[in-house]
PDB file of N, CA and C in Angstrom:
ATOM      1  N   MET A   1      41.321  99.960 -35.633  1.00  0.00           N
ATOM      2  CA  MET A   1      40.158 100.241 -35.141  1.00  0.00           C
ATOM      3  C   MET A   1      41.221 100.607 -33.323  1.00  0.00           C
ATOM      4  N   PRO A   2      41.137 101.441 -32.789  1.00  0.00           N
ATOM      5  CA  PRO A   2      41.181 101.966 -31.205  1.00  0.00           C
ATOM      6  C   PRO A   2      41.397 101.036 -30.453  1.00  0.00           C
ATOM      7  N   ALA A   3      41.537 100.877 -29.376  1.00  0.00           N
ATOM      8  CA  ALA A   3      41.997 100.169 -28.373  1.00  0.00           C
ATOM      9  C   ALA A   3      40.715 100.660 -27.888  1.00  0.00           C
ATOM     10  N   PRO A   4      40.056  99.523 -26.889  1.00  0.00           N
ATOM     11  CA  PRO A   4      38.543 100.075 -26.177  1.00  0.00           C
ATOM     12  C   PRO A   4      38.812 101.251 -25.536  1.00  0.00           C
ATOM     13  N   HIS A   5      39.973 100.895 -24.381  1.00  0.00           N
ATOM     14  CA  HIS A   5      40.220 101.641 -22.944  1.00  0.00           C
ATOM     15  C   HIS A   5      40.044 103.447 -23.788  1.00  0.00           C
ATOM     16  N   SER A   6      40.737 103.330 -25.267  1.00  0.00           N
ATOM     17  CA  SER A   6      41.076 104.544 -25.572  1.00  0.00           C
ATOM     18  C   SER A   6      39.980 105.293 -26.033  1.00  0.00           C
ATOM     19  N   LEU A   7      38.271 104.313 -25.966  1.00  0.00           N
ATOM     20  CA  LEU A   7      37.110 104.869 -25.972  1.00  0.00           C
ATOM     21  C   LEU A   7      36.135 105.166 -24.986  1.00  0.00           C
ATOM     22  N   LEU A   8      36.753 105.274 -23.610  1.00  0.00           N
ATOM     23  CA  LEU A   8      36.246 105.214 -22.594  1.00  0.00           C
ATOM     24  C   LEU A   8      36.212 106.950 -22.678  1.00  0.00           C
ATOM     25  N   PRO A   9      37.305 107.751 -22.389  1.00  0.00           N
ATOM     26  CA  PRO A   9      36.491 109.207 -22.239  1.00  0.00           C
ATOM     27  C   PRO A   9      35.535 109.907 -23.258  1.00  0.00           C
ATOM     28  N   PRO A  10      35.524 109.158 -24.518  1.00  0.00           N
ATOM     29  CA  PRO A  10      33.831 109.735 -25.168  1.00  0.00           C
ATOM     30  C   PRO A  10      32.811 109.202 -24.586  1.00  0.00           C
ATOM     31  N   LEU A  11      32.822 108.075 -24.183  1.00  0.00           N
ATOM     32  CA  LEU A  11      31.930 107.362 -23.528  1.00  0.00           C
ATOM     33  C   LEU A  11      31.159 108.253 -22.538  1.00  0.00           C
ATOM     34  N   LEU A  12      32.041 108.256 -21.985  1.00  0.00           N
ATOM     35  CA  LEU A  12      32.083 108.964 -20.274  1.00  0.00           C
ATOM     36  C   LEU A  12      31.449 110.346 -20.370  1.00  0.00           C
ATOM     37  N   ALA A  13      31.582 111.071 -21.386  1.00  0.00           N
ATOM     38  CA  ALA A  13      31.465 112.070 -21.873  1.00  0.00           C
ATOM     39  C   ALA A  13      29.725 112.276 -22.371  1.00  0.00           C
ATOM     40  N   LYS A  14      29.803 110.935 -22.631  1.00  0.00           N
ATOM     41  CA  LYS A  14      28.564 110.762 -23.407  1.00  0.00           C
ATOM     42  C   LYS A  14      27.096 110.971 -21.907  1.00  0.00           C
ATOM     43  N   ILE A  15      27.827 109.879 -21.059  1.00  0.00           N
ATOM     44  CA  ILE A  15      27.488 109.403 -19.778  1.00  0.00           C
ATOM     45  C   ILE A  15      27.066 110.976 -19.104  1.00  0.00           C
ATOM     46  N   ASP A  16      27.952 111.704 -19.331  1.00  0.00           N
ATOM     47  CA  ASP A  16      27.871 112.668 -18.340  1.00  0.00           C
ATOM     48  C   ASP A  16      26.542 113.795 -18.723  1.00  0.00           C
ATOM     49  N   ALA A  17      26.658 113.821 -20.202  1.00  0.00           N
ATOM     50  CA  ALA A  17      25.780 114.753 -20.975  1.00  0.00           C
ATOM     51  C   ALA A  17      24.117 113.768 -20.320  1.00  0.00           C
ATOM     52  N   LEU A  18      24.334 112.234 -20.533  1.00  0.00           N
ATOM     53  CA  LEU A  18      22.618 111.962 -20.369  1.00  0.00           C
ATOM     54  C   LEU A  18      22.120 112.130 -18.667  1.00  0.00           C
ATOM     55  N   ILE A  19      23.178 111.645 -17.938  1.00  0.00           N
ATOM     56  CA  ILE A  19      23.212 112.161 -16.397  1.00  0.00           C
ATOM     57  C   ILE A  19      22.522 113.954 -16.068  1.00  0.00           C
ATOM     58  N   GLY A  20      23.544 114.273 -16.516  1.00  0.00           N
ATOM     59  CA  GLY A  20      22.964 115.725 -16.712  1.00  0.00           C
ATOM     60  C   GLY A  20      21.467 116.059 -16.984  1.00  0.00           C
ATOM     61  N   ALA A  21      21.003 115.768 -18.571  1.00  0.00           N
ATOM     62  CA  ALA A  21      19.819 115.529 -18.551  1.00  0.00           C
ATOM     63  C   ALA A  21      18.318 114.583 -18.123  1.00  0.00           C
ATOM     64  N   GLU A  22      19.067 114.146 -16.805  1.00  0.00           N
ATOM     65  CA  GLU A  22      18.210 113.071 -16.187  1.00  0.00           C
ATOM     66  C   GLU A  22      17.681 111.734 -17.274  1.00  0.00           C
ATOM     67  N   LYS A  23      18.652 111.602 -17.890  1.00  0.00           N
ATOM     68  CA  LYS A  23      18.206 110.377 -18.961  1.00  0.00           C
ATOM     69  C   LYS A  23      18.826 109.056 -18.616  1.00  0.00           C
ATOM     70  N   TYR A  24      18.363 108.463 -17.232  1.00  0.00           N
ATOM     71  CA  TYR A  24      19.117 107.947 -16.556  1.00  0.00           C
ATOM     72  C   TYR A  24      18.631 106.195 -17.276  1.00  0.00           C
ATOM     73  N   GLN A  25      17.748 106.212 -17.814  1.00  0.00           N
ATOM     74  CA  GLN A  25      17.648 104.756 -18.840  1.00  0.00           C
ATOM     75  C   GLN A  25      19.033 104.749 -20.451  1.00  0.00           C
ATOM     76  N   GLU A  26      18.794 105.669 -20.488  1.00  0.00           N
ATOM     77  CA  GLU A  26      19.462 105.919 -22.197  1.00  0.00           C
ATOM     78  C   GLU A  26      20.775 105.688 -20.912  1.00  0.00           C
ATOM     79  N   VAL A  27      21.130 106.483 -19.992  1.00  0.00           N
ATOM     80  CA  VAL A  27      22.566 106.110 -19.426  1.00  0.00           C
ATOM     81  C   VAL A  27      22.853 104.757 -19.296  1.00  0.00           C
ATOM     82  N   ALA A  28      22.003 103.751 -18.821  1.00  0.00           N
ATOM     83  CA  ALA A  28      22.124 102.399 -18.945  1.00  0.00           C
ATOM     84  C   ALA A  28      22.250 101.503 -20.298  1.00  0.00           C
ATOM     85  N   GLU A  29      21.381 102.205 -21.303  1.00  0.00           N
ATOM     86  CA  GLU A  29      21.430 101.649 -22.659  1.00  0.00           C
ATOM     87  C   GLU A  29      22.791 101.824 -23.120  1.00  0.00           C
ATOM     88  N   THR A  30      23.407 103.302 -23.366  1.00  0.00           N
ATOM     89  CA  THR A  30      24.481 103.697 -23.475  1.00  0.00           C
ATOM     90  C   THR A  30      25.838 102.302 -23.112  1.00  0.00           C
ATOM     91  N   TYR A  31      25.845 102.362 -21.480  1.00  0.00           N
ATOM     92  CA  TYR A  31      27.166 101.626 -21.066  1.00  0.00           C
ATOM     93  C   TYR A  31      26.766 100.414 -21.424  1.00  0.00           C
ATOM     94  N   ALA A  32      25.486  99.807 -21.477  1.00  0.00           N
ATOM     95  CA  ALA A  32      25.441  98.507 -21.852  1.00  0.00           C
ATOM     96  C   ALA A  32      25.814  98.024 -23.211  1.00  0.00           C
ATOM     97  N   ALA A  33      25.179  98.783 -24.248  1.00  0.00           N
ATOM     98  CA  ALA A  33      26.110  99.246 -25.449  1.00  0.00           C
ATOM     99  C   ALA A  33      27.459  98.509 -25.804  1.00  0.00           C
ATOM    100  N   PHE A  34      27.997  99.859 -25.102  1.00  0.00           N
ATOM    101  CA  PHE A  34      29.335  99.690 -25.080  1.00  0.00           C
ATOM    102  C   PHE A  34      29.964  98.329 -24.506  1.00  0.00           C
ATOM    103  N   VAL A  35      29.847  98.240 -23.342  1.00  0.00           N
ATOM    104  CA  VAL A  35      30.121  96.692 -22.866  1.00  0.00           C
ATOM    105  C   VAL A  35      29.654  95.603 -23.642  1.00  0.00           C
ATOM    106  N   LYS A  36      28.787  95.189 -24.558  1.00  0.00           N
ATOM    107  CA  LYS A  36      28.667  94.481 -25.230  1.00  0.00           C
ATOM    108  C   LYS A  36      29.654  94.364 -26.153  1.00  0.00           C
ATOM    109  N   GLU A  37      30.035  95.814 -26.987  1.00  0.00           N
ATOM    110  CA  GLU A  37      30.674  96.092 -27.804  1.00  0.00           C
ATOM    111  C   GLU A  37      32.517  95.615 -27.481  1.00  0.00           C
ATOM    112  N   HIS A  38      32.896  95.736 -25.960  1.00  0.00           N
ATOM    113  CA  HIS A  38      33.910  96.084 -25.851  1.00  0.00           C
ATOM    114  C   HIS A  38      34.076  95.246 -24.405  1.00  0.00           C
ATOM    115  N   PRO A  39      33.788  93.940 -23.963  1.00  0.00           N
ATOM    116  CA  PRO A  39      33.521  93.274 -22.671  1.00  0.00           C
ATOM    117  C   PRO A  39      34.806  94.099 -21.795  1.00  0.00           C
ATOM    118  N   THR A  40      35.774  93.726 -22.510  1.00  0.00           N
ATOM    119  CA  THR A  40      36.921  93.996 -20.872  1.00  0.00           C
ATOM    120  C   THR A  40      36.765  95.585 -20.582  1.00  0.00           C
ATOM    121  N   THR A  41      35.668  96.725 -21.010  1.00  0.00           N
ATOM    122  CA  THR A  41      35.928  97.397 -20.348  1.00  0.00           C
ATOM    123  C   THR A  41      34.891  97.875 -19.357  1.00  0.00           C
ATOM    124  N   SER A  42      34.161  96.844 -18.740  1.00  0.00           N
ATOM    125  CA  SER A  42      33.136  96.762 -17.236  1.00  0.00           C
ATOM    126  C   SER A  42      33.587  97.489 -16.915  1.00  0.00           C
ATOM    127  N   TYR A  43      34.339  96.943 -16.120  1.00  0.00           N
ATOM    128  CA  TYR A  43      35.034  97.646 -14.660  1.00  0.00           C
ATOM    129  C   TYR A  43      35.151  99.587 -14.894  1.00  0.00           C
ATOM    130  N   LEU A  44      36.022  99.796 -15.947  1.00  0.00           N
ATOM    131  CA  LEU A  44      36.252 100.974 -16.300  1.00  0.00           C
ATOM    132  C   LEU A  44      34.771 102.113 -16.583  1.00  0.00           C
ATOM    133  N   ALA A  45      34.572 101.296 -16.899  1.00  0.00           N
ATOM    134  CA  ALA A  45      32.951 101.998 -17.613  1.00  0.00           C
ATOM    135  C   ALA A  45      32.116 102.110 -16.525  1.00  0.00           C
ATOM    136  N   SER A  46      32.069 101.034 -15.711  1.00  0.00           N
ATOM    137  CA  SER A  46      30.831 101.591 -14.579  1.00  0.00           C
ATOM    138  C   SER A  46      31.797 101.821 -13.350  1.00  0.00           C
ATOM    139  N   GLU A  47      32.987 101.962 -13.091  1.00  0.00           N
ATOM    140  CA  GLU A  47      33.197 102.230 -12.004  1.00  0.00           C
ATOM    141  C   GLU A  47      33.164 104.054 -11.907  1.00  0.00           C
ATOM    142  N   PRO A  48      32.640 104.983 -12.622  1.00  0.00           N
ATOM    143  CA  PRO A  48      32.787 106.639 -12.488  1.00  0.00           C
ATOM    144  C   PRO A  48      31.406 106.734 -12.682  1.00  0.00           C
ATOM    145  N   ILE A  49      30.757 106.102 -12.966  1.00  0.00           N
ATOM    146  CA  ILE A  49      29.326 106.376 -13.045  1.00  0.00           C
ATOM    147  C   ILE A  49      28.798 106.793 -11.437  1.00  0.00           C
ATOM    148  N   PRO A  50      28.428 105.946 -10.364  1.00  0.00           N
ATOM    149  CA  PRO A  50      28.087 106.509  -8.967  1.00  0.00           C
ATOM    150  C   PRO A  50      28.619 108.017  -8.656  1.00  0.00           C
ATOM    151  N   PHE A  51      29.954 108.317  -8.911  1.00  0.00           N
ATOM    152  CA  PHE A  51      30.547 109.588  -8.811  1.00  0.00           C
ATOM    153  C   PHE A  51      30.311 110.448 -10.021  1.00  0.00           C
ATOM    154  N   LYS A  52      29.733 110.266 -10.806  1.00  0.00           N
ATOM    155  CA  LYS A  52      29.393 111.327 -11.761  1.00  0.00           C
ATOM    156  C   LYS A  52      27.639 111.505 -11.186  1.00  0.00           C
ATOM    157  N   LEU A  53      26.813 110.837 -10.590  1.00  0.00           N
ATOM    158  CA  LEU A  53      25.582 110.814 -10.687  1.00  0.00           C
ATOM    159  C   LEU A  53      25.543 111.455  -9.020  1.00  0.00           C
ATOM    160  N   ASN A  54      26.636 111.207  -8.195  1.00  0.00           N
ATOM    161  CA  ASN A  54      26.946 112.172  -7.009  1.00  0.00           C
ATOM    162  C   ASN A  54      27.421 113.854  -7.492  1.00  0.00           C
ATOM    163  N   VAL A  55      27.822 114.081  -8.219  1.00  0.00           N
ATOM    164  CA  VAL A  55      28.073 114.574  -8.581  1.00  0.00           C
ATOM    165  C   VAL A  55      27.387 115.982  -9.018  1.00  0.00           C
ATOM    166  N   ALA A  56      26.514 115.113 -10.241  1.00  0.00           N
ATOM    167  CA  ALA A  56      24.628 115.753 -10.557  1.00  0.00           C
ATOM    168  C   ALA A  56      24.266 116.039  -9.335  1.00  0.00           C
ATOM    169  N   PHE A  57      23.648 115.224  -8.462  1.00  0.00           N
ATOM    170  CA  PHE A  57      23.247 115.295  -7.105  1.00  0.00           C
ATOM    171  C   PHE A  57      23.254 116.350  -6.333  1.00  0.00           C
ATOM    172  N   SER A  58      24.567 116.233  -6.519  1.00  0.00           N
ATOM    173  CA  SER A  58      25.629 117.808  -4.926  1.00  0.00           C
ATOM    174  C   SER A  58      25.015 118.975  -6.302  1.00  0.00           C
ATOM    175  N   LYS A  59      25.263 119.178  -7.494  1.00  0.00           N
ATOM    176  CA  LYS A  59      24.826 120.078  -8.695  1.00  0.00           C
ATOM    177  C   LYS A  59      23.248 120.719  -8.256  1.00  0.00           C
ATOM    178  N   LYS A  60      22.480 119.945  -8.173  1.00  0.00           N
ATOM    179  CA  LYS A  60      21.400 120.091  -8.125  1.00  0.00           C
ATOM    180  C   LYS A  60      20.797 120.118  -6.440  1.00  0.00           C
ATOM    181  N   TYR A  61      20.936 119.193  -6.279  1.00  0.00           N
ATOM    182  CA  TYR A  61      20.290 119.337  -4.331  1.00  0.00           C
ATOM    183  C   TYR A  61      21.274 119.915  -3.635  1.00  0.00           C
ATOM    184  N   GLY A  62      22.498 120.232  -3.653  1.00  0.00           N
ATOM    185  CA  GLY A  62      23.677 120.546  -2.671  1.00  0.00           C
ATOM    186  C   GLY A  62      24.571 119.631  -2.066  1.00  0.00           C
ATOM    187  N   SER A  63      25.459 119.989  -1.838  1.00  0.00           N
ATOM    188  CA  SER A  63      26.805 118.707  -1.738  1.00  0.00           C
ATOM    189  C   SER A  63      25.966 118.418   0.102  1.00  0.00           C
ATOM    190  N   SER A  64      25.476 119.265   0.537  1.00  0.00           N
ATOM    191  CA  SER A  64      25.158 118.289   2.201  1.00  0.00           C
ATOM    192  C   SER A  64      23.857 117.194   2.071  1.00  0.00           C
ATOM    193  N   ALA A  65      23.314 117.507   1.175  1.00  0.00           N
ATOM    194  CA  ALA A  65      22.071 116.526   1.000  1.00  0.00           C
ATOM    195  C   ALA A  65      22.346 115.459   0.112  1.00  0.00           C
ATOM    196  N   THR A  66      23.566 115.433  -0.543  1.00  0.00           N
ATOM    197  CA  THR A  66      24.270 114.670  -1.066  1.00  0.00           C
ATOM    198  C   THR A  66      25.221 113.528  -0.128  1.00  0.00           C
ATOM    199  N   THR A  67      25.822 114.193   0.076  1.00  0.00           N
ATOM    200  CA  THR A  67      26.742 113.685   1.431  1.00  0.00           C
ATOM    201  C   THR A  67      25.428 113.024   2.666  1.00  0.00           C
ATOM    202  N   THR A  68      24.685 113.692   3.215  1.00  0.00           N
ATOM    203  CA  THR A  68      24.184 112.923   3.951  1.00  0.00           C
ATOM    204  C   THR A  68      23.147 111.500   3.554  1.00  0.00           C
ATOM    205  N   PHE A  69      22.740 111.538   2.358  1.00  0.00           N
ATOM    206  CA  PHE A  69      22.632 110.516   1.699  1.00  0.00           C
ATOM    207  C   PHE A  69      23.364 109.082   1.813  1.00  0.00           C
ATOM    208  N   THR A  70      24.772 110.058   0.871  1.00  0.00           N
ATOM    209  CA  THR A  70      25.167 109.070   0.841  1.00  0.00           C
ATOM    210  C   THR A  70      25.511 108.371   2.442  1.00  0.00           C
ATOM    211  N   LEU A  71      26.080 108.857   3.250  1.00  0.00           N
ATOM    212  CA  LEU A  71      26.655 108.440   4.436  1.00  0.00           C
ATOM    213  C   LEU A  71      25.052 107.669   4.717  1.00  0.00           C
ATOM    214  N   ARG A  72      24.187 107.797   4.789  1.00  0.00           N
ATOM    215  CA  ARG A  72      22.749 107.119   5.149  1.00  0.00           C
ATOM    216  C   ARG A  72      22.818 105.813   4.656  1.00  0.00           C
ATOM    217  N   ASN A  73      23.317 105.652   3.350  1.00  0.00           N
ATOM    218  CA  ASN A  73      23.353 104.647   2.351  1.00  0.00           C
ATOM    219  C   ASN A  73      24.789 104.396   1.922  1.00  0.00           C
ATOM    220  N   THR A  74      25.242 103.451   2.603  1.00  0.00           N
ATOM    221  CA  THR A  74      26.474 103.039   2.506  1.00  0.00           C
ATOM    222  C   THR A  74      26.687 102.153   1.461  1.00  0.00           C
ATOM    223  N   THR A  75      26.085 101.484   0.819  1.00  0.00           N
ATOM    224  CA  THR A  75      25.761 100.581  -0.331  1.00  0.00           C
ATOM    225  C   THR A  75      25.147 101.431  -1.405  1.00  0.00           C
ATOM    226  N   TRP A  76      25.469 102.022  -1.126  1.00  0.00           N
ATOM    227  CA  TRP A  76      24.766 103.332  -2.684  1.00  0.00           C
ATOM    228  C   TRP A  76      25.573 102.613  -3.908  1.00  0.00           C
ATOM    229  N   ALA A  77      26.947 103.268  -3.780  1.00  0.00           N
ATOM    230  CA  ALA A  77      27.613 103.015  -5.145  1.00  0.00           C
ATOM    231  C   ALA A  77      27.488 102.055  -6.180  1.00  0.00           C
ATOM    232  N   SER A  78      27.584 100.850  -4.927  1.00  0.00           N
ATOM    233  CA  SER A  78      28.178  99.171  -5.378  1.00  0.00           C
ATOM    234  C   SER A  78      26.438  99.027  -5.741  1.00  0.00           C
ATOM    235  N   ASP A  79      25.563  99.277  -5.214  1.00  0.00           N
ATOM    236  CA  ASP A  79      23.858  99.030  -5.731  1.00  0.00           C
ATOM    237  C   ASP A  79      23.534  99.930  -7.106  1.00  0.00           C
ATOM    238  N   VAL A  80      24.447 101.199  -7.324  1.00  0.00           N
ATOM    239  CA  VAL A  80      24.187 101.229  -8.683  1.00  0.00           C
ATOM    240  C   VAL A  80      24.675 100.900  -9.781  1.00  0.00           C
ATOM    241  N   LYS A  81      26.105 100.858  -9.408  1.00  0.00           N
ATOM    242  CA  LYS A  81      27.147  99.722 -10.592  1.00  0.00           C
ATOM    243  C   LYS A  81      26.161  98.199 -10.637  1.00  0.00           C
ATOM    244  N   GLY A  82      25.691  97.338  -9.645  1.00  0.00           N
ATOM    245  CA  GLY A  82      24.645  96.657  -9.880  1.00  0.00           C
ATOM    246  C   GLY A  82      23.412  96.618 -10.572  1.00  0.00           C
ATOM    247  N   ALA A  83      22.811  98.197 -10.612  1.00  0.00           N
ATOM    248  CA  ALA A  83      21.075  97.837 -11.205  1.00  0.00           C
ATOM    249  C   ALA A  83      21.963  98.492 -12.567  1.00  0.00           C
ATOM    250  N   LEU A  84      23.266  99.004 -12.868  1.00  0.00           N
ATOM    251  CA  LEU A  84      23.580  99.647 -14.215  1.00  0.00           C
ATOM    252  C   LEU A  84      23.851  97.741 -14.706  1.00  0.00           C
ATOM    253  N   LYS A  85      24.507  96.922 -14.091  1.00  0.00           N
ATOM    254  CA  LYS A  85      24.601  95.740 -15.072  1.00  0.00           C
ATOM    255  C   LYS A  85      23.527  94.905 -14.843  1.00  0.00           C
ATOM    256  N   ALA A  86      22.403  95.192 -13.896  1.00  0.00           N
ATOM    257  CA  ALA A  86      21.450  94.350 -14.336  1.00  0.00           C
ATOM    258  C   ALA A  86      20.503  94.806 -15.503  1.00  0.00           C
ATOM    259  N   GLY A  87      20.013  96.319 -15.913  1.00  0.00           N
ATOM    260  CA  GLY A  87      19.706  96.735 -17.168  1.00  0.00           C
ATOM    261  C   GLY A  87      19.564  97.727 -16.736  1.00  0.00           C
ATOM    262  N   ALA A  88      18.668  98.217 -18.001  1.00  0.00           N
ATOM    263  CA  ALA A  88      17.861  99.967 -18.065  1.00  0.00           C
ATOM    264  C   ALA A  88      17.046 100.013 -16.886  1.00  0.00           C
ATOM    265  N   SER A  89      16.090  99.065 -16.897  1.00  0.00           N
ATOM    266  CA  SER A  89      15.118  99.426 -15.873  1.00  0.00           C
ATOM    267  C   SER A  89      15.635  99.336 -14.408  1.00  0.00           C
ATOM    268  N   ASP A  90      15.971  98.234 -14.195  1.00  0.00           N
ATOM    269  CA  ASP A  90      16.767  98.598 -12.884  1.00  0.00           C
ATOM    270  C   ASP A  90      17.935 100.390 -12.191  1.00  0.00           C
ATOM    271  N   PHE A  91      18.704 100.138 -13.456  1.00  0.00           N
ATOM    272  CA  PHE A  91      19.161 101.408 -12.855  1.00  0.00           C
ATOM    273  C   PHE A  91      18.607 102.593 -13.006  1.00  0.00           C
ATOM    274  N   SER A  92      17.121 102.794 -13.855  1.00  0.00           N
ATOM    275  CA  SER A  92      16.524 104.553 -14.022  1.00  0.00           C
ATOM    276  C   SER A  92      15.536 103.984 -12.500  1.00  0.00           C
ATOM    277  N   THR A  93      15.055 103.062 -12.312  1.00  0.00           N
ATOM    278  CA  THR A  93      14.292 102.938 -10.840  1.00  0.00           C
ATOM    279  C   THR A  93      15.261 103.417 -10.219  1.00  0.00           C
ATOM    280  N   LEU A  94      16.128 102.887  -9.810  1.00  0.00           N
ATOM    281  CA  LEU A  94      16.996 102.641  -8.544  1.00  0.00           C
ATOM    282  C   LEU A  94      17.544 104.223  -8.244  1.00  0.00           C
ATOM    283  N   VAL A  95      18.204 104.558  -9.581  1.00  0.00           N
ATOM    284  CA  VAL A  95      18.423 106.535  -9.287  1.00  0.00           C
ATOM    285  C   VAL A  95      17.875 107.231  -9.286  1.00  0.00           C
ATOM    286  N   ALA A  96      16.141 107.057  -9.699  1.00  0.00           N
ATOM    287  CA  ALA A  96      15.034 107.295  -9.419  1.00  0.00           C
ATOM    288  C   ALA A  96      15.041 107.530  -8.310  1.00  0.00           C
ATOM    289  N   LYS A  97      14.813 106.555  -7.356  1.00  0.00           N
ATOM    290  CA  LYS A  97      14.851 106.526  -5.945  1.00  0.00           C
ATOM    291  C   LYS A  97      15.600 107.196  -5.258  1.00  0.00           C
ATOM    292  N   TYR A  98      16.845 107.023  -5.464  1.00  0.00           N
ATOM    293  CA  TYR A  98      17.710 107.594  -5.258  1.00  0.00           C
ATOM    294  C   TYR A  98      17.690 109.016  -4.765  1.00  0.00           C
ATOM    295  N   GLU A  99      17.397 109.745  -5.931  1.00  0.00           N
ATOM    296  CA  GLU A  99      17.484 111.008  -6.480  1.00  0.00           C
ATOM    297  C   GLU A  99      16.078 111.262  -6.085  1.00  0.00           C
ATOM    298  N   ALA A 100      15.211 110.821  -5.574  1.00  0.00           N
ATOM    299  CA  ALA A 100      14.173 111.204  -4.697  1.00  0.00           C
ATOM    300  C   ALA A 100      14.297 111.302  -2.874  1.00  0.00           C
ATOM    301  N   GLU A 101      15.527 110.632  -2.412  1.00  0.00           N
ATOM    302  CA  GLU A 101      15.659 110.507  -1.586  1.00  0.00           C
ATOM    303  C   GLU A 101      16.441 111.477  -1.493  1.00  0.00           C
ATOM    304  N   VAL A 102      18.065 112.045  -2.232  1.00  0.00           N
ATOM    305  CA  VAL A 102      18.255 113.373  -2.065  1.00  0.00           C
ATOM    306  C   VAL A 102      17.372 114.370  -1.858  1.00  0.00           C
ATOM    307  N   ALA A 103      16.280 114.452  -2.905  1.00  0.00           N
ATOM    308  CA  ALA A 103      15.532 115.565  -2.660  1.00  0.00           C
ATOM    309  C   ALA A 103      15.150 115.697  -1.383  1.00  0.00           C
ATOM    310  N   ASP A 104      14.313 114.823  -0.903  1.00  0.00           N
ATOM    311  CA  ASP A 104      13.775 114.197   0.525  1.00  0.00           C
ATOM    312  C   ASP A 104      14.962 115.394   1.361  1.00  0.00           C
ATOM    313  N   ILE A 105      16.095 114.762   1.420  1.00  0.00           N
ATOM    314  CA  ILE A 105      16.825 115.193   2.446  1.00  0.00           C
ATOM    315  C   ILE A 105      17.287 116.835   2.003  1.00  0.00           C
ATOM    316  N   ALA A 106      17.375 117.426   0.995  1.00  0.00           N
ATOM    317  CA  ALA A 106      17.243 118.826   0.318  1.00  0.00           C
ATOM    318  C   ALA A 106      16.075 119.733   1.084  1.00  0.00           C
ATOM    319  N   LYS A 107      15.288 119.343   1.375  1.00  0.00           N
ATOM    320  CA  LYS A 107      14.315 120.173   1.492  1.00  0.00           C
ATOM    321  C   LYS A 107      14.778 120.019   3.488  1.00  0.00           C
ATOM    322  N   THR A 108      15.253 119.180   4.307  1.00  0.00           N
ATOM    323  CA  THR A 108      15.439 119.783   5.648  1.00  0.00           C
ATOM    324  C   THR A 108      16.586 119.869   5.708  1.00  0.00           C
ATOM    325  N   VAL A 109      17.902 120.503   4.967  1.00  0.00           N
ATOM    326  CA  VAL A 109      19.038 120.865   5.488  1.00  0.00           C
ATOM    327  C   VAL A 109      18.690 122.497   4.911  1.00  0.00           C
ATOM    328  N   LYS A 110      19.254 122.893   6.422  1.00  0.00           N
ATOM    329  CA  LYS A 110      19.487 124.229   6.663  1.00  0.00           C
ATOM    330  C   LYS A 110      20.525 125.204   5.296  1.00  0.00           C
ATOM    331  N   LYS A 111      19.432 126.330   4.717  1.00  0.00           N
ATOM    332  CA  LYS A 111      20.246 126.982   3.628  1.00  0.00           C
ATOM    333  C   LYS A 111      21.427 128.070   4.393  1.00  0.00           C
ATOM    334  N   VAL A 112      22.857 128.285   3.255  1.00  0.00           N
ATOM    335  CA  VAL A 112      23.322 129.218   4.129  1.00  0.00           C
ATOM    336  C   VAL A 112      23.308 130.239   2.985  1.00  0.00           C
ATOM    337  N   ALA A 113      22.933 131.185   3.655  1.00  0.00           N
ATOM    338  CA  ALA A 113      22.751 132.626   2.710  1.00  0.00           C
ATOM    339  C   ALA A 113      24.884 132.900   2.606  1.00  0.00           C
TER     340      ALA A 113
END
């Protein structure tokens, strides 16, 4: 059986795909199942997820809106990781809330041609 840490790249690729498909509940379920099977990977498995959300939001709403959101919500990344560990429902609810906030900010950001 491979070392748990060597299984992280495929996990993170799957999480990327789920985030891209906006399947946030499945992100948390996938994370929870992986960490249950490989408990020593909890930190390494959760740490990239806020960044991956940031990238997805930047692609969808623009980097200005996403950066503005993160500056206004300085604990957002730790809040995301906390919700991820709390459960799929908490995580998907929080991410949907944050995405809506980024979308609202994006409506006010001046578009540059």
